[in-house]
PDB file of all heavy atoms in Angstrom:
ATOM      1  N   ASP A   1     -31.121   2.508  12.346  1.00  0.00           N
ATOM      2  CA  ASP A   1     -30.091   1.973  13.353  1.00  0.00           C
ATOM      3  C   ASP A   1     -29.725   0.462  12.982  1.00  0.00           C
ATOM      4  O   ASP A   1     -28.575   0.131  13.051  1.00  0.00           O
ATOM      5  CB  ASP A   1     -30.816   1.991  14.750  1.00  0.00           C
ATOM      6  CG  ASP A   1     -29.725   1.505  15.843  1.00  0.00           C
ATOM      7  OD1 ASP A   1     -28.634   1.999  15.959  1.00  0.00           O
ATOM      8  OD2 ASP A   1     -30.112   0.701  16.697  1.00  0.00           O
ATOM      9  N   LEU A   2     -30.660  -0.212  12.559  1.00  0.00           N
ATOM     10  CA  LEU A   2     -30.419  -1.678  12.163  1.00  0.00           C
ATOM     11  C   LEU A   2     -29.488  -1.731  10.864  1.00  0.00           C
ATOM     12  O   LEU A   2     -28.684  -2.460  10.741  1.00  0.00           O
ATOM     13  CB  LEU A   2     -31.757  -2.469  11.957  1.00  0.00           C
ATOM     14  CG  LEU A   2     -32.480  -2.866  13.284  1.00  0.00           C
ATOM     15  CD1 LEU A   2     -33.863  -3.258  12.976  1.00  0.00           C
ATOM     16  CD2 LEU A   2     -31.733  -3.964  14.011  1.00  0.00           C
ATOM     17  N   VAL A   3     -29.826  -0.849   9.921  1.00  0.00           N
ATOM     18  CA  VAL A   3     -29.122  -0.803   8.708  1.00  0.00           C
ATOM     19  C   VAL A   3     -27.557  -0.387   9.043  1.00  0.00           C
ATOM     20  O   VAL A   3     -26.715  -0.974   8.584  1.00  0.00           O
ATOM     21  CB  VAL A   3     -29.692   0.068   7.660  1.00  0.00           C
ATOM     22  CG1 VAL A   3     -28.743   0.339   6.471  1.00  0.00           C
ATOM     23  CG2 VAL A   3     -30.964  -0.556   7.129  1.00  0.00           C
ATOM     24  N   GLU A   4     -27.446   0.574   9.932  1.00  0.00           N
ATOM     25  CA  GLU A   4     -26.143   1.026  10.395  1.00  0.00           C
ATOM     26  C   GLU A   4     -25.408  -0.059  11.007  1.00  0.00           C
ATOM     27  O   GLU A   4     -24.160  -0.416  10.813  1.00  0.00           O
ATOM     28  CB  GLU A   4     -26.137   2.223  11.331  1.00  0.00           C
ATOM     29  CG  GLU A   4     -24.857   2.707  11.561  1.00  0.00           C
ATOM     30  CD  GLU A   4     -24.018   3.152  10.327  1.00  0.00           C
ATOM     31  OE1 GLU A   4     -24.563   3.647   9.435  1.00  0.00           O
ATOM     32  OE2 GLU A   4     -22.702   2.949  10.484  1.00  0.00           O
ATOM     33  N   GLU A   5     -26.102  -0.917  11.895  1.00  0.00           N
ATOM     34  CA  GLU A   5     -25.551  -2.133  12.466  1.00  0.00           C
ATOM     35  C   GLU A   5     -25.086  -3.012  11.500  1.00  0.00           C
ATOM     36  O   GLU A   5     -23.836  -3.574  11.548  1.00  0.00           O
ATOM     37  CB  GLU A   5     -26.443  -2.715  13.516  1.00  0.00           C
ATOM     38  CG  GLU A   5     -25.869  -3.876  14.217  1.00  0.00           C
ATOM     39  CD  GLU A   5     -26.788  -4.603  15.240  1.00  0.00           C
ATOM     40  OE1 GLU A   5     -27.864  -4.053  15.557  1.00  0.00           O
ATOM     41  OE2 GLU A   5     -26.346  -5.734  15.701  1.00  0.00           O
ATOM     42  N   TYR A   6     -25.842  -3.332  10.497  1.00  0.00           N
ATOM     43  CA  TYR A   6     -25.622  -4.298   9.472  1.00  0.00           C
ATOM     44  C   TYR A   6     -24.274  -3.665   8.803  1.00  0.00           C
ATOM     45  O   TYR A   6     -23.386  -4.521   8.504  1.00  0.00           O
ATOM     46  CB  TYR A   6     -26.722  -4.324   8.423  1.00  0.00           C
ATOM     47  CG  TYR A   6     -26.362  -5.056   7.212  1.00  0.00           C
ATOM     48  CD1 TYR A   6     -26.327  -6.467   7.117  1.00  0.00           C
ATOM     49  CD2 TYR A   6     -25.853  -4.364   6.174  1.00  0.00           C
ATOM     50  CE1 TYR A   6     -25.970  -7.128   6.003  1.00  0.00           C
ATOM     51  CE2 TYR A   6     -25.457  -4.914   4.896  1.00  0.00           C
ATOM     52  CZ  TYR A   6     -25.480  -6.498   4.898  1.00  0.00           C
ATOM     53  OH  TYR A   6     -25.117  -7.048   3.820  1.00  0.00           O
ATOM     54  N   ARG A   7     -24.182  -2.534   8.353  1.00  0.00           N
ATOM     55  CA  ARG A   7     -23.103  -2.018   7.649  1.00  0.00           C
ATOM     56  C   ARG A   7     -21.813  -2.126   8.574  1.00  0.00           C
ATOM     57  O   ARG A   7     -20.802  -2.589   8.015  1.00  0.00           O
ATOM     58  CB  ARG A   7     -23.182  -0.449   7.498  1.00  0.00           C
ATOM     59  CG  ARG A   7     -24.068  -0.132   6.373  1.00  0.00           C
ATOM     60  CD  ARG A   7     -24.217   1.413   6.230  1.00  0.00           C
ATOM     61  NE  ARG A   7     -25.158   1.920   5.270  1.00  0.00           N
ATOM     62  CZ  ARG A   7     -24.907   2.402   4.129  1.00  0.00           C
ATOM     63  NH1 ARG A   7     -23.685   2.286   3.645  1.00  0.00           N
ATOM     64  NH2 ARG A   7     -25.767   2.895   3.243  1.00  0.00           N
ATOM     65  N   SER A   8     -21.888  -1.905   9.749  1.00  0.00           N
ATOM     66  CA  SER A   8     -20.730  -2.193  10.730  1.00  0.00           C
ATOM     67  C   SER A   8     -20.291  -3.562  10.757  1.00  0.00           C
ATOM     68  O   SER A   8     -19.116  -3.815  10.855  1.00  0.00           O
ATOM     69  CB  SER A   8     -21.040  -1.668  12.080  1.00  0.00           C
ATOM     70  OG  SER A   8     -21.357  -0.194  12.112  1.00  0.00           O
ATOM     71  N   VAL A   9     -21.266  -4.478  10.855  1.00  0.00           N
ATOM     72  CA  VAL A   9     -21.055  -5.850  11.013  1.00  0.00           C
ATOM     73  C   VAL A   9     -20.233  -6.290   9.780  1.00  0.00           C
ATOM     74  O   VAL A   9     -19.261  -6.955   9.798  1.00  0.00           O
ATOM     75  CB  VAL A   9     -22.287  -6.689  11.286  1.00  0.00           C
ATOM     76  CG1 VAL A   9     -21.924  -8.215  11.201  1.00  0.00           C
ATOM     77  CG2 VAL A   9     -22.744  -6.384  12.735  1.00  0.00           C
ATOM     78  N   ARG A  10     -20.887  -5.970   8.570  1.00  0.00           N
ATOM     79  CA  ARG A  10     -20.275  -6.210   7.295  1.00  0.00           C
ATOM     80  C   ARG A  10     -18.863  -5.757   6.987  1.00  0.00           C
ATOM     81  O   ARG A  10     -17.925  -6.347   6.653  1.00  0.00           O
ATOM     82  CB  ARG A  10     -21.151  -5.884   6.213  1.00  0.00           C
ATOM     83  CG  ARG A  10     -20.681  -6.229   4.747  1.00  0.00           C
ATOM     84  CD  ARG A  10     -20.359  -7.738   4.644  1.00  0.00           C
ATOM     85  NE  ARG A  10     -21.342  -8.612   4.945  1.00  0.00           N
ATOM     86  CZ  ARG A  10     -22.309  -9.159   4.198  1.00  0.00           C
ATOM     87  NH1 ARG A  10     -22.311  -8.822   2.939  1.00  0.00           N
ATOM     88  NH2 ARG A  10     -23.169  -9.979   4.665  1.00  0.00           N
ATOM     89  N   ALA A  11     -18.622  -4.567   7.481  1.00  0.00           N
ATOM     90  CA  ALA A  11     -17.373  -3.883   7.436  1.00  0.00           C
ATOM     91  C   ALA A  11     -16.341  -4.706   8.253  1.00  0.00           C
ATOM     92  O   ALA A  11     -15.155  -4.926   7.775  1.00  0.00           O
ATOM     93  CB  ALA A  11     -17.360  -2.378   7.871  1.00  0.00           C
ATOM     94  N   ALA A  12     -16.698  -5.033   9.450  1.00  0.00           N
ATOM     95  CA  ALA A  12     -15.880  -5.914  10.230  1.00  0.00           C
ATOM     96  C   ALA A  12     -15.480  -7.284   9.521  1.00  0.00           C
ATOM     97  O   ALA A  12     -14.318  -7.683   9.616  1.00  0.00           O
ATOM     98  CB  ALA A  12     -16.374  -6.166  11.570  1.00  0.00           C
ATOM     99  N   SER A  13     -16.594  -7.886   8.891  1.00  0.00           N
ATOM    100  CA  SER A  13     -16.324  -9.138   8.301  1.00  0.00           C
ATOM    101  C   SER A  13     -15.393  -8.954   7.124  1.00  0.00           C
ATOM    102  O   SER A  13     -14.389  -9.822   6.853  1.00  0.00           O
ATOM    103  CB  SER A  13     -17.678  -9.663   7.806  1.00  0.00           C
ATOM    104  OG  SER A  13     -18.465 -10.021   9.054  1.00  0.00           O
ATOM    105  N   ILE A  14     -15.569  -7.977   6.344  1.00  0.00           N
ATOM    106  CA  ILE A  14     -14.722  -7.660   5.118  1.00  0.00           C
ATOM    107  C   ILE A  14     -13.332  -7.498   5.526  1.00  0.00           C
ATOM    108  O   ILE A  14     -12.330  -8.084   5.029  1.00  0.00           O
ATOM    109  CB  ILE A  14     -15.226  -6.479   4.274  1.00  0.00           C
ATOM    110  CG1 ILE A  14     -16.577  -6.926   3.652  1.00  0.00           C
ATOM    111  CG2 ILE A  14     -14.215  -6.081   3.394  1.00  0.00           C
ATOM    112  CD1 ILE A  14     -17.346  -5.822   3.026  1.00  0.00           C
ATOM    113  N   THR A  15     -13.053  -6.717   6.595  1.00  0.00           N
ATOM    114  CA  THR A  15     -11.840  -6.487   7.163  1.00  0.00           C
ATOM    115  C   THR A  15     -11.111  -7.742   7.528  1.00  0.00           C
ATOM    116  O   THR A  15      -9.933  -8.142   7.169  1.00  0.00           O
ATOM    117  CB  THR A  15     -11.832  -5.390   8.258  1.00  0.00           C
ATOM    118  OG1 THR A  15     -12.385  -4.190   7.704  1.00  0.00           O
ATOM    119  CG2 THR A  15     -10.432  -5.179   8.776  1.00  0.00           C
ATOM    120  N   LEU A  16     -11.890  -8.597   8.316  1.00  0.00           N
ATOM    121  CA  LEU A  16     -11.363  -9.965   8.756  1.00  0.00           C
ATOM    122  C   LEU A  16     -10.877 -10.769   7.519  1.00  0.00           C
ATOM    123  O   LEU A  16      -9.838 -11.300   7.473  1.00  0.00           O
ATOM    124  CB  LEU A  16     -12.307 -10.601   9.633  1.00  0.00           C
ATOM    125  CG  LEU A  16     -12.127 -12.050   9.939  1.00  0.00           C
ATOM    126  CD1 LEU A  16     -10.992 -12.367  10.779  1.00  0.00           C
ATOM    127  CD2 LEU A  16     -13.396 -12.853  10.505  1.00  0.00           C
ATOM    128  N   PHE A  17     -11.877 -11.046   6.646  1.00  0.00           N
ATOM    129  CA  PHE A  17     -11.607 -11.967   5.558  1.00  0.00           C
ATOM    130  C   PHE A  17     -10.527 -11.378   4.587  1.00  0.00           C
ATOM    131  O   PHE A  17      -9.677 -12.175   4.096  1.00  0.00           O
ATOM    132  CB  PHE A  17     -12.854 -12.332   4.999  1.00  0.00           C
ATOM    133  CG  PHE A  17     -13.785 -13.215   5.665  1.00  0.00           C
ATOM    134  CD1 PHE A  17     -14.971 -12.762   6.144  1.00  0.00           C
ATOM    135  CD2 PHE A  17     -13.263 -14.526   6.126  1.00  0.00           C
ATOM    136  CE1 PHE A  17     -15.791 -13.442   6.866  1.00  0.00           C
ATOM    137  CE2 PHE A  17     -14.085 -15.298   6.772  1.00  0.00           C
ATOM    138  CZ  PHE A  17     -15.445 -14.924   7.198  1.00  0.00           C
ATOM    139  N   ALA A  18     -10.483  -9.997   4.397  1.00  0.00           N
ATOM    140  CA  ALA A  18      -9.509  -9.456   3.448  1.00  0.00           C
ATOM    141  C   ALA A  18      -8.088  -9.610   4.038  1.00  0.00           C
ATOM    142  O   ALA A  18      -7.107  -9.662   3.277  1.00  0.00           O
ATOM    143  CB  ALA A  18      -9.872  -7.905   3.204  1.00  0.00           C
ATOM    144  N   GLY A  19      -7.912  -9.791   5.299  1.00  0.00           N
ATOM    145  CA  GLY A  19      -6.743  -9.825   5.913  1.00  0.00           C
ATOM    146  C   GLY A  19      -6.023 -11.306   6.081  1.00  0.00           C
ATOM    147  O   GLY A  19      -5.008 -11.475   6.459  1.00  0.00           O
ATOM    148  N   LEU A  20      -6.756 -12.196   5.542  1.00  0.00           N
ATOM    149  CA  LEU A  20      -6.331 -13.623   5.627  1.00  0.00           C
ATOM    150  C   LEU A  20      -5.302 -14.032   4.635  1.00  0.00           C
ATOM    151  O   LEU A  20      -5.391 -13.651   3.393  1.00  0.00           O
ATOM    152  CB  LEU A  20      -7.617 -14.664   5.511  1.00  0.00           C
ATOM    153  CG  LEU A  20      -8.572 -14.583   6.569  1.00  0.00           C
ATOM    154  CD1 LEU A  20      -9.761 -15.520   6.285  1.00  0.00           C
ATOM    155  CD2 LEU A  20      -8.050 -14.658   7.946  1.00  0.00           C
ATOM    156  N   GLY A  21      -4.262 -14.836   4.959  1.00  0.00           N
ATOM    157  CA  GLY A  21      -3.428 -15.445   4.045  1.00  0.00           C
ATOM    158  C   GLY A  21      -4.008 -16.447   3.313  1.00  0.00           C
ATOM    159  O   GLY A  21      -4.991 -17.059   3.685  1.00  0.00           O
ATOM    160  N   SER A  22      -3.406 -16.956   2.274  1.00  0.00           N
ATOM    161  CA  SER A  22      -3.888 -18.004   1.416  1.00  0.00           C
ATOM    162  C   SER A  22      -4.102 -19.335   2.172  1.00  0.00           C
ATOM    163  O   SER A  22      -5.093 -20.087   1.848  1.00  0.00           O
ATOM    164  CB  SER A  22      -3.077 -18.276   0.215  1.00  0.00           C
ATOM    165  OG  SER A  22      -1.667 -18.674   0.567  1.00  0.00           O
ATOM    166  N   GLU A  23      -3.182 -19.507   3.195  1.00  0.00           N
ATOM    167  CA  GLU A  23      -3.408 -20.872   3.890  1.00  0.00           C
ATOM    168  C   GLU A  23      -4.475 -20.828   4.829  1.00  0.00           C
ATOM    169  O   GLU A  23      -5.045 -22.133   5.161  1.00  0.00           O
ATOM    170  CB  GLU A  23      -1.968 -21.156   4.602  1.00  0.00           C
ATOM    171  CG  GLU A  23      -1.820 -20.223   5.888  1.00  0.00           C
ATOM    172  CD  GLU A  23      -1.248 -18.841   5.420  1.00  0.00           C
ATOM    173  OE1 GLU A  23      -0.969 -18.596   4.364  1.00  0.00           O
ATOM    174  OE2 GLU A  23      -1.387 -17.976   6.396  1.00  0.00           O
ATOM    175  N   ALA A  24      -4.967 -19.912   5.147  1.00  0.00           N
ATOM    176  CA  ALA A  24      -6.033 -19.682   6.168  1.00  0.00           C
ATOM    177  C   ALA A  24      -7.450 -20.229   5.483  1.00  0.00           C
ATOM    178  O   ALA A  24      -8.325 -20.765   6.239  1.00  0.00           O
ATOM    179  CB  ALA A  24      -6.256 -18.335   6.826  1.00  0.00           C
ATOM    180  N   TRP A  25      -7.598 -19.879   4.242  1.00  0.00           N
ATOM    181  CA  TRP A  25      -8.961 -19.992   3.672  1.00  0.00           C
ATOM    182  C   TRP A  25      -9.319 -21.526   3.691  1.00  0.00           C
ATOM    183  O   TRP A  25     -10.621 -21.790   3.838  1.00  0.00           O
ATOM    184  CB  TRP A  25      -8.924 -19.616   2.187  1.00  0.00           C
ATOM    185  CG  TRP A  25      -8.861 -18.169   1.995  1.00  0.00           C
ATOM    186  CD1 TRP A  25      -7.830 -17.364   1.607  1.00  0.00           C
ATOM    187  CD2 TRP A  25      -9.882 -17.262   2.468  1.00  0.00           C
ATOM    188  NE1 TRP A  25      -8.214 -15.986   1.564  1.00  0.00           N
ATOM    189  CE2 TRP A  25      -9.412 -15.975   2.049  1.00  0.00           C
ATOM    190  CE3 TRP A  25     -11.277 -17.364   2.819  1.00  0.00           C
ATOM    191  CZ2 TRP A  25     -10.332 -14.701   2.170  1.00  0.00           C
ATOM    192  CZ3 TRP A  25     -12.034 -16.213   2.940  1.00  0.00           C
ATOM    193  CH2 TRP A  25     -11.481 -14.968   2.681  1.00  0.00           C
ATOM    194  N   THR A  26      -8.533 -22.467   3.674  1.00  0.00           N
ATOM    195  CA  THR A  26      -8.907 -23.904   3.676  1.00  0.00           C
ATOM    196  C   THR A  26      -8.726 -24.689   4.959  1.00  0.00           C
ATOM    197  O   THR A  26      -8.827 -25.811   5.021  1.00  0.00           O
ATOM    198  CB  THR A  26      -8.178 -24.695   2.513  1.00  0.00           C
ATOM    199  OG1 THR A  26      -6.787 -24.478   2.710  1.00  0.00           O
ATOM    200  CG2 THR A  26      -8.653 -24.082   1.177  1.00  0.00           C
ATOM    201  N   ARG A  27      -8.438 -23.832   6.057  1.00  0.00           N
ATOM    202  CA  ARG A  27      -8.406 -24.489   7.371  1.00  0.00           C
ATOM    203  C   ARG A  27      -9.810 -25.065   7.807  1.00  0.00           C
ATOM    204  O   ARG A  27     -10.734 -24.465   7.522  1.00  0.00           O
ATOM    205  CB  ARG A  27      -7.764 -23.438   8.465  1.00  0.00           C
ATOM    206  CG  ARG A  27      -6.412 -23.244   8.175  1.00  0.00           C
ATOM    207  CD  ARG A  27      -5.736 -22.406   9.317  1.00  0.00           C
ATOM    208  NE  ARG A  27      -4.429 -22.251   9.088  1.00  0.00           N
ATOM    209  CZ  ARG A  27      -3.723 -21.168   9.051  1.00  0.00           C
ATOM    210  NH1 ARG A  27      -4.371 -20.050   9.552  1.00  0.00           N
ATOM    211  NH2 ARG A  27      -2.523 -21.148   8.884  1.00  0.00           N
ATOM    212  N   ARG A  28      -9.656 -26.209   8.301  1.00  0.00           N
ATOM    213  CA  ARG A  28     -10.944 -27.110   8.560  1.00  0.00           C
ATOM    214  C   ARG A  28     -11.343 -27.061  10.070  1.00  0.00           C
ATOM    215  O   ARG A  28     -10.526 -27.062  10.852  1.00  0.00           O
ATOM    216  CB  ARG A  28     -10.817 -28.490   8.045  1.00  0.00           C
ATOM    217  CG  ARG A  28     -10.777 -28.464   6.522  1.00  0.00           C
ATOM    218  CD  ARG A  28     -10.857 -29.959   6.083  1.00  0.00           C
ATOM    219  NE  ARG A  28     -11.185 -29.884   4.572  1.00  0.00           N
ATOM    220  CZ  ARG A  28     -12.252 -29.895   4.131  1.00  0.00           C
ATOM    221  NH1 ARG A  28     -13.399 -29.927   4.983  1.00  0.00           N
ATOM    222  NH2 ARG A  28     -12.523 -29.753   2.759  1.00  0.00           N
TER     223      ARG A  28
END
């Protein structure tokens, strides 16, 4: 269950970061 949660959390993070435009990466 914990490994599955980890996979889900990571999938959400990858989706979030993969959708960012170039200007977003350096926002402070």
